[in-house]
Amino acid sequence: MALSRRTLLERLGAGALAAATGRTVVADTNAPGALPSKDFIRLHRNESAHGPSRHALAAMRHAASQSARYPDAAAASLRRTLAAFHGVTVDRVVLGCGSTDVLHMALQAFGGRGKTIVAARPTWDTVAHLARRTGSHTIEVPLSKDHSHDLETMRARVDQRTGLIYLCNPHNPTGSLTRRQDIDAWLHKLPASVHVVVDEAYHDFVGQSADYRTLIDRTGDPRVIVLRTFSKIHGLAGLRIGYGIAAASTATALRAHASSSDITLIAARAATAALDDPQHVRLCVNSIADDRQEFLNQANARMLRSVDSLTNFVMLNTGRPSPEVVEHFAGHRILVAGPVPGYEKYIRVSLGTAVEMREFWRVWDLMPGGHMHT
């Protein structure tokens, strides 16, 4: 059983659609084959189209019956499970309310006023937002032509003020990879004082690739922090549960900046159960690979190009200013992500259910010049 990805418009309020685009739009609810007008298709947050595994759902239901208890025991159990899963000691696991929470800890621990944070342009926009909250200044380095991190230019921007470098691999929003061998060579050249956060939110989608391997085996280096989340492949975005793996000394520094808000009992139990269901992960990975290929087939039929993706989303070159495309889709109750800095004619499209993707292409074909060329 999978939870629906779509959120009812009534719950979001009438202003949600306008907030997404910055303008007031009117949906076409009478279009042939359109979904019911109350439905709001979310293809802008890279959420799971498959939802949690049945084991995670069962764990949620059981945990709800125990919700009179504080979550400390469940959180400790999850940390032990994660430590065993990754082959590290428990003191190297840092839990957070989403990987965003652990990133914030890192920015507080190693950033701050007078410090700089080096990141790609574009990248996950939450990085710059959280950096500002800590008083850090963000230095942005454009991606390379192959959409990988420009590691040498990032290293060239490092000086005595640099507190942290952020890498997202696989990368959001492009879905591209930076080769593991390139990262290894680059790490050897970085000063001992500079910490590196490697965000592996989309790790599970990559599958077999000679160019990719997790950096968790490098977290014995006190500079390296790897982030993971249960929001993507495990379909638990609504529970806000993520974690970091780091050297014991670095993990201690991170936890010193943890908020007073613990992860919830339900989130801890669901995450523990999700880790114990590798079959669900395999099924989702295989299904998403098929969905991605179907998306590319539809794009090619319309003579559209995209960035090669190894994730559950695709960066699509629309051939026109992306705000126009985003507004067009919002007018038909579909949310897509854009504009993206440096990719002004691209939108990022999360891979939804089969019904949602059919609706996406139907709405695409309503744009002037959007119809199929073949």
Protein backbone atom coordinates (compact mmCIF):
# COMPACT_ATOMS: atom_id res chain seq x y z
CA MET A 1 0.00 0.00 0.00
CA ALA A 2 1.34 3.43 -0.97
CA LEU A 3 0.36 6.79 0.37
CA SER A 4 -0.90 9.36 -2.13
CA ARG A 5 1.61 12.03 -3.07
CA ARG A 6 -1.02 14.56 -3.89
CA THR A 7 -2.18 17.09 -1.32
CA LEU A 8 -5.72 18.39 -1.37
CA LEU A 9 -5.98 22.00 -2.47
CA GLU A 10 -8.47 22.68 0.30
CA ARG A 11 -5.85 21.84 2.94
CA LEU A 12 -3.27 24.11 1.38
CA GLY A 13 -5.62 27.04 1.11
CA ALA A 14 -6.60 29.11 -1.89
CA GLY A 15 -3.35 31.05 -1.80
CA ALA A 16 -1.04 28.05 -2.27
CA LEU A 17 -1.15 28.06 -6.04
CA ALA A 18 -0.52 31.78 -6.28
CA ALA A 19 2.33 31.50 -3.77
CA ALA A 20 4.00 28.87 -5.90
CA THR A 21 4.20 31.17 -8.92
CA GLY A 22 4.03 34.62 -7.42
CA ARG A 23 0.93 35.34 -9.49
CA THR A 24 -2.77 34.64 -9.39
CA VAL A 25 -3.70 31.88 -11.79
CA VAL A 26 -6.93 30.16 -12.79
CA ALA A 27 -6.96 26.42 -13.37
CA ASP A 28 -8.61 24.82 -16.39
CA THR A 29 -10.92 22.34 -14.66
CA ASN A 30 -12.92 21.49 -17.78
CA ALA A 31 -10.09 20.15 -19.92
CA PRO A 32 -10.76 16.66 -21.33
CA GLY A 33 -9.12 13.96 -19.21
CA ALA A 34 -8.20 16.40 -16.45
CA LEU A 35 -7.90 15.16 -12.89
CA PRO A 36 -10.61 16.23 -10.44
CA SER A 37 -10.32 19.94 -9.71
CA LYS A 38 -9.57 19.38 -6.01
CA ASP A 39 -6.35 17.51 -6.83
CA PHE A 40 -3.06 19.38 -6.91
CA ILE A 41 -0.21 17.51 -8.61
CA ARG A 42 3.13 18.02 -6.84
CA LEU A 43 6.04 17.50 -9.21
CA HIS A 44 8.26 20.13 -7.60
CA ARG A 45 9.63 18.57 -4.38
CA ASN A 46 11.11 15.24 -5.54
CA GLU A 47 8.75 13.33 -3.28
CA SER A 48 8.27 9.59 -3.65
CA ALA A 49 5.56 8.44 -6.04
CA HIS A 50 5.54 5.07 -4.25
CA GLY A 51 5.18 6.11 -0.63
CA PRO A 52 6.47 4.19 2.39
CA SER A 53 6.90 0.44 2.49
CA ARG A 54 4.20 -1.68 4.12
CA HIS A 55 6.62 -2.39 6.97
CA ALA A 56 7.09 1.31 7.61
CA LEU A 57 3.33 1.87 7.50
CA ALA A 58 2.76 -0.92 10.02
CA ALA A 59 5.45 0.57 12.27
CA MET A 60 3.73 3.96 12.11
CA ARG A 61 0.42 2.49 13.16
CA HIS A 62 2.00 0.61 16.06
CA ALA A 63 4.03 3.65 17.15
CA ALA A 64 0.89 5.80 17.16
CA SER A 65 -0.53 3.55 19.87
CA GLN A 66 2.56 4.28 21.96
CA SER A 67 2.55 8.03 21.44
CA ALA A 68 2.17 8.73 25.17
CA ARG A 69 5.88 7.88 25.44
CA TYR A 70 8.80 10.19 24.66
CA PRO A 71 10.90 9.12 21.65
CA ASP A 72 14.33 8.76 23.30
CA ALA A 73 14.37 4.94 23.30
CA ALA A 74 13.14 4.75 19.70
CA ALA A 75 15.74 7.31 18.60
CA ALA A 76 18.52 5.39 20.33
CA SER A 77 17.34 2.20 18.63
CA LEU A 78 17.40 3.92 15.24
CA ARG A 79 20.93 5.18 15.83
CA ARG A 80 22.08 1.64 16.62
CA THR A 81 20.33 0.33 13.50
CA LEU A 82 21.94 2.99 11.31
CA ALA A 83 25.36 2.35 12.81
CA ALA A 84 25.07 -1.37 12.02
CA PHE A 85 23.65 -0.61 8.55
CA HIS A 86 26.66 1.55 7.63
CA GLY A 87 29.30 -0.33 9.59
CA VAL A 88 30.20 2.57 11.91
CA THR A 89 30.05 3.10 15.66
CA VAL A 90 26.92 4.60 17.21
CA ASP A 91 28.72 7.78 18.27
CA ARG A 92 29.25 8.62 14.59
CA VAL A 93 25.50 8.80 13.81
CA VAL A 94 23.69 12.15 14.15
CA LEU A 95 19.89 12.16 13.83
CA GLY A 96 17.88 15.14 12.69
CA CYS A 97 14.39 16.28 11.74
CA GLY A 98 15.27 15.69 8.12
CA SER A 99 18.80 15.96 6.71
CA THR A 100 18.11 19.71 6.63
CA ASP A 101 18.40 19.69 10.41
CA VAL A 102 21.84 18.03 10.31
CA LEU A 103 22.99 20.47 7.62
CA HIS A 104 21.94 23.33 9.88
CA MET A 105 24.00 21.81 12.71
CA ALA A 106 27.04 21.69 10.40
CA LEU A 107 26.60 25.30 9.33
CA GLN A 108 26.32 26.39 12.94
CA ALA A 109 29.33 24.32 14.01
CA PHE A 110 31.68 25.29 11.19
CA GLY A 111 30.16 28.44 9.71
CA GLY A 112 29.03 31.67 11.34
CA ARG A 113 29.86 35.34 11.06
CA GLY A 114 33.10 35.96 9.22
CA LYS A 115 32.98 32.48 7.68
CA THR A 116 32.28 31.52 4.08
CA ILE A 117 30.42 28.52 2.71
CA VAL A 118 31.39 27.30 -0.77
CA ALA A 119 28.64 25.64 -2.81
CA ALA A 120 27.71 24.99 -6.42
CA ARG A 121 25.47 27.19 -8.52
CA PRO A 122 22.80 25.97 -8.77
CA THR A 123 22.33 23.71 -5.78
CA TRP A 124 19.70 22.94 -3.15
CA ASP A 125 18.49 26.44 -2.28
CA THR A 126 18.09 25.59 1.41
CA VAL A 127 21.90 25.73 1.76
CA ALA A 128 22.11 29.48 1.13
CA HIS A 129 19.02 30.10 3.27
CA LEU A 130 20.47 28.28 6.27
CA ALA A 131 23.89 29.86 5.74
CA ARG A 132 22.31 33.31 6.00
CA ARG A 133 20.65 32.30 9.25
CA THR A 134 24.04 31.45 10.73
CA GLY A 135 25.60 34.68 9.46
CA SER A 136 27.78 32.87 6.92
CA HIS A 137 28.50 34.24 3.45
CA THR A 138 27.90 31.82 0.57
CA ILE A 139 30.32 31.67 -2.37
CA GLU A 140 28.70 30.08 -5.41
CA VAL A 141 30.71 28.26 -8.09
CA PRO A 142 28.92 27.38 -11.36
CA LEU A 143 28.75 23.72 -12.31
CA SER A 144 31.06 22.35 -14.97
CA LYS A 145 29.84 21.89 -18.54
CA ASP A 146 29.02 18.26 -17.79
CA HIS A 147 26.88 19.46 -14.81
CA SER A 148 29.29 18.03 -12.23
CA HIS A 149 30.80 20.08 -9.41
CA ASP A 150 33.71 22.25 -10.56
CA LEU A 151 35.90 20.95 -7.77
CA GLU A 152 39.09 22.76 -8.70
CA THR A 153 37.38 26.15 -8.88
CA MET A 154 35.67 25.43 -5.56
CA ARG A 155 39.07 24.65 -4.04
CA ALA A 156 40.48 27.85 -5.50
CA ARG A 157 37.84 29.83 -3.59
CA VAL A 158 38.96 28.36 -0.27
CA ASP A 159 40.85 30.68 2.08
CA GLN A 160 41.30 31.15 5.82
CA ARG A 161 37.64 32.22 6.17
CA THR A 162 36.22 29.05 4.59
CA GLY A 163 34.38 26.95 7.12
CA LEU A 164 32.54 24.44 4.98
CA ILE A 165 32.07 23.21 1.41
CA TYR A 166 28.73 21.71 0.36
CA LEU A 167 28.53 19.01 -2.31
CA CYS A 168 25.26 17.40 -3.38
CA ASN A 169 25.97 14.09 -5.11
CA PRO A 170 23.89 12.99 -6.98
CA HIS A 171 23.23 16.64 -7.61
CA ASN A 172 20.01 18.52 -7.01
CA PRO A 173 18.61 20.08 -9.20
CA THR A 174 20.42 18.58 -12.23
CA GLY A 175 20.37 14.89 -11.26
CA SER A 176 23.98 14.57 -12.43
CA LEU A 177 27.03 12.94 -10.81
CA THR A 178 30.45 14.10 -9.69
CA ARG A 179 32.87 11.20 -10.04
CA ARG A 180 34.03 9.56 -6.83
CA GLN A 181 37.64 9.41 -8.01
CA ASP A 182 37.59 13.16 -8.62
CA ILE A 183 36.23 13.83 -5.13
CA ASP A 184 38.88 11.58 -3.56
CA ALA A 185 41.73 13.41 -5.31
CA TRP A 186 40.18 16.77 -4.42
CA LEU A 187 39.83 15.92 -0.72
CA HIS A 188 43.56 15.26 -0.50
CA LYS A 189 44.22 18.86 -1.56
CA LEU A 190 41.86 20.56 0.91
CA PRO A 191 43.14 22.17 4.11
CA ALA A 192 42.57 20.26 7.35
CA SER A 193 40.46 23.15 8.67
CA VAL A 194 37.78 22.95 5.95
CA HIS A 195 34.82 20.63 6.49
CA VAL A 196 32.93 19.08 3.60
CA VAL A 197 29.24 18.16 3.70
CA VAL A 198 28.35 15.56 1.07
CA ASP A 199 24.58 15.40 0.66
CA GLU A 200 23.60 11.94 -0.58
CA ALA A 201 19.83 12.38 -0.48
CA TYR A 202 19.51 10.67 -3.88
CA HIS A 203 22.11 7.95 -3.28
CA ASP A 204 19.73 5.01 -3.65
CA PHE A 205 18.59 5.98 -7.15
CA VAL A 206 22.03 5.71 -8.78
CA GLY A 207 22.26 1.93 -8.98
CA GLN A 208 25.43 0.50 -10.53
CA SER A 209 27.82 3.17 -11.77
CA ALA A 210 31.61 3.05 -12.07
CA ASP A 211 31.66 6.80 -11.40
CA TYR A 212 29.74 6.74 -8.14
CA ARG A 213 30.24 5.41 -4.64
CA THR A 214 29.06 6.75 -1.31
CA LEU A 215 31.52 8.85 0.72
CA ILE A 216 30.52 7.20 3.99
CA ASP A 217 33.74 5.19 3.91
CA ARG A 218 35.61 8.54 4.04
CA THR A 219 33.86 9.78 7.17
CA GLY A 220 36.71 8.58 9.33
CA ASP A 221 38.25 11.84 8.11
CA PRO A 222 37.06 14.49 10.62
CA ARG A 223 36.43 16.91 7.75
CA VAL A 224 33.83 14.77 5.96
CA ILE A 225 30.12 14.70 6.86
CA VAL A 226 27.69 12.62 4.79
CA LEU A 227 23.98 13.41 4.89
CA ARG A 228 21.19 10.93 4.19
CA THR A 229 17.41 11.27 4.32
CA PHE A 230 14.36 9.03 4.58
CA SER A 231 12.36 11.55 2.52
CA LYS A 232 13.20 10.25 -0.96
CA ILE A 233 13.54 6.51 -1.65
CA HIS A 234 11.83 5.58 1.64
CA GLY A 235 8.86 7.90 1.05
CA LEU A 236 8.85 9.44 4.55
CA ALA A 237 9.15 13.14 3.69
CA GLY A 238 6.17 14.03 5.87
CA LEU A 239 7.79 12.55 8.98
CA ARG A 240 10.96 14.72 8.75
CA ILE A 241 13.68 12.20 9.51
CA GLY A 242 17.30 12.22 8.32
CA TYR A 243 20.79 11.70 9.61
CA GLY A 244 24.49 12.37 9.18
CA ILE A 245 27.53 10.11 9.40
CA ALA A 246 30.80 11.68 10.55
CA ALA A 247 33.90 11.00 12.63
CA ALA A 248 33.10 10.77 16.34
CA SER A 249 34.67 14.16 17.13
CA THR A 250 32.81 15.83 14.27
CA ALA A 251 29.53 14.18 15.26
CA THR A 252 29.97 15.53 18.79
CA ALA A 253 30.46 19.03 17.38
CA LEU A 254 27.28 18.65 15.32
CA ARG A 255 25.17 17.43 18.23
CA ALA A 256 26.27 20.46 20.27
CA HIS A 257 24.11 22.51 17.89
CA ALA A 258 21.11 20.19 17.77
CA SER A 259 17.77 21.82 18.40
CA SER A 260 15.70 20.88 21.42
CA SER A 261 13.15 19.23 19.11
CA ASP A 262 13.70 15.49 19.07
CA ILE A 263 12.66 13.34 16.15
CA THR A 264 9.24 11.87 16.80
CA LEU A 265 8.49 8.37 18.00
CA ILE A 266 6.56 7.61 14.81
CA ALA A 267 9.40 8.87 12.59
CA ALA A 268 12.01 6.82 14.44
CA ARG A 269 9.98 3.62 14.29
CA ALA A 270 9.06 4.12 10.62
CA ALA A 271 12.68 4.81 9.64
CA THR A 272 13.90 1.71 11.48
CA ALA A 273 11.31 -0.42 9.68
CA ALA A 274 12.17 1.17 6.31
CA LEU A 275 15.81 0.15 6.67
CA ASP A 276 14.64 -3.42 7.22
CA ASP A 277 12.79 -3.55 3.89
CA PRO A 278 15.41 -3.61 1.11
CA GLN A 279 12.92 -5.22 -1.26
CA HIS A 280 10.79 -2.07 -1.22
CA VAL A 281 13.89 -0.01 -2.05
CA ARG A 282 14.80 -2.30 -4.97
CA LEU A 283 11.27 -2.21 -6.37
CA CYS A 284 11.16 1.59 -6.14
CA VAL A 285 14.58 2.00 -7.75
CA ASN A 286 13.64 -0.27 -10.67
CA SER A 287 10.26 1.41 -11.12
CA ILE A 288 11.78 4.90 -11.07
CA ALA A 289 14.38 3.88 -13.65
CA ASP A 290 11.53 2.75 -15.92
CA ASP A 291 9.57 5.94 -15.20
CA ARG A 292 12.62 8.06 -16.01
CA GLN A 293 13.10 6.27 -19.32
CA GLU A 294 9.42 6.78 -20.20
CA PHE A 295 9.76 10.48 -19.36
CA LEU A 296 12.76 10.73 -21.69
CA ASN A 297 10.84 8.89 -24.41
CA GLN A 298 8.02 11.42 -24.16
CA ALA A 299 10.52 14.29 -24.15
CA ASN A 300 12.33 12.95 -27.20
CA ALA A 301 9.02 12.57 -29.06
CA ARG A 302 8.58 16.32 -28.55
CA MET A 303 12.20 17.03 -29.54
CA LEU A 304 13.02 18.14 -25.98
CA ARG A 305 16.37 17.63 -24.31
CA SER A 306 17.27 17.17 -20.67
CA VAL A 307 20.22 16.77 -18.33
CA ASP A 308 21.15 13.09 -17.86
CA SER A 309 19.65 12.15 -14.52
CA LEU A 310 20.25 9.31 -12.07
CA THR A 311 17.58 10.43 -9.62
CA ASN A 312 13.79 10.57 -9.28
CA PHE A 313 13.58 13.86 -11.20
CA VAL A 314 14.65 15.27 -14.55
CA MET A 315 15.88 18.74 -15.54
CA LEU A 316 14.03 19.44 -18.77
CA ASN A 317 15.10 22.05 -21.32
CA THR A 318 11.82 23.72 -22.26
CA GLY A 319 13.30 25.92 -24.99
CA ARG A 320 11.59 28.97 -23.51
CA PRO A 321 11.83 31.06 -20.32
CA SER A 322 11.03 28.68 -17.48
CA PRO A 323 8.78 31.11 -15.51
CA GLU A 324 6.33 30.97 -18.43
CA VAL A 325 6.32 27.18 -18.27
CA VAL A 326 5.98 27.07 -14.49
CA GLU A 327 3.03 29.46 -14.69
CA HIS A 328 1.41 27.43 -17.46
CA PHE A 329 1.55 24.24 -15.38
CA ALA A 330 0.40 26.01 -12.23
CA GLY A 331 -2.62 27.22 -14.15
CA HIS A 332 -3.50 23.57 -14.64
CA ARG A 333 -2.83 22.64 -11.01
CA ILE A 334 0.58 21.09 -11.58
CA LEU A 335 3.62 22.32 -9.67
CA VAL A 336 7.08 22.01 -11.24
CA ALA A 337 10.33 23.59 -10.05
CA GLY A 338 11.91 26.59 -11.75
CA PRO A 339 13.52 28.85 -12.66
CA VAL A 340 16.91 27.39 -11.76
CA PRO A 341 19.92 29.76 -11.55
CA GLY A 342 22.11 29.28 -14.59
CA TYR A 343 19.47 27.13 -16.29
CA GLU A 344 16.92 29.77 -17.19
CA LYS A 345 15.09 27.63 -19.78
CA TYR A 346 14.92 24.49 -17.65
CA ILE A 347 12.36 23.15 -15.23
CA ARG A 348 12.88 20.34 -12.75
CA VAL A 349 10.19 17.69 -12.91
CA SER A 350 9.76 15.05 -10.21
CA LEU A 351 8.71 11.62 -11.49
CA GLY A 352 5.16 11.08 -10.29
CA THR A 353 2.64 8.31 -10.74
CA ALA A 354 1.66 7.13 -14.21
CA VAL A 355 -1.56 9.14 -14.01
CA GLU A 356 0.30 12.27 -12.92
CA MET A 357 2.87 11.97 -15.70
CA ARG A 358 0.18 11.50 -18.34
CA GLU A 359 -1.42 14.67 -17.04
CA PHE A 360 1.94 16.45 -17.15
CA TRP A 361 2.39 15.69 -20.84
CA ARG A 362 -1.23 16.48 -21.63
CA VAL A 363 -0.77 19.91 -20.09
CA TRP A 364 2.59 20.34 -21.82
CA ASP A 365 0.89 19.78 -25.19
CA LEU A 366 -1.58 22.59 -24.41
CA MET A 367 1.24 25.15 -24.59
CA PRO A 368 1.69 26.92 -27.92
CA GLY A 369 4.25 24.85 -29.79
CA GLY A 370 4.19 22.20 -27.08
CA HIS A 371 2.49 19.53 -29.19
CA MET A 372 4.33 16.46 -30.36
CA HIS A 373 6.56 16.75 -33.42
CA THR A 374 6.36 13.06 -34.23
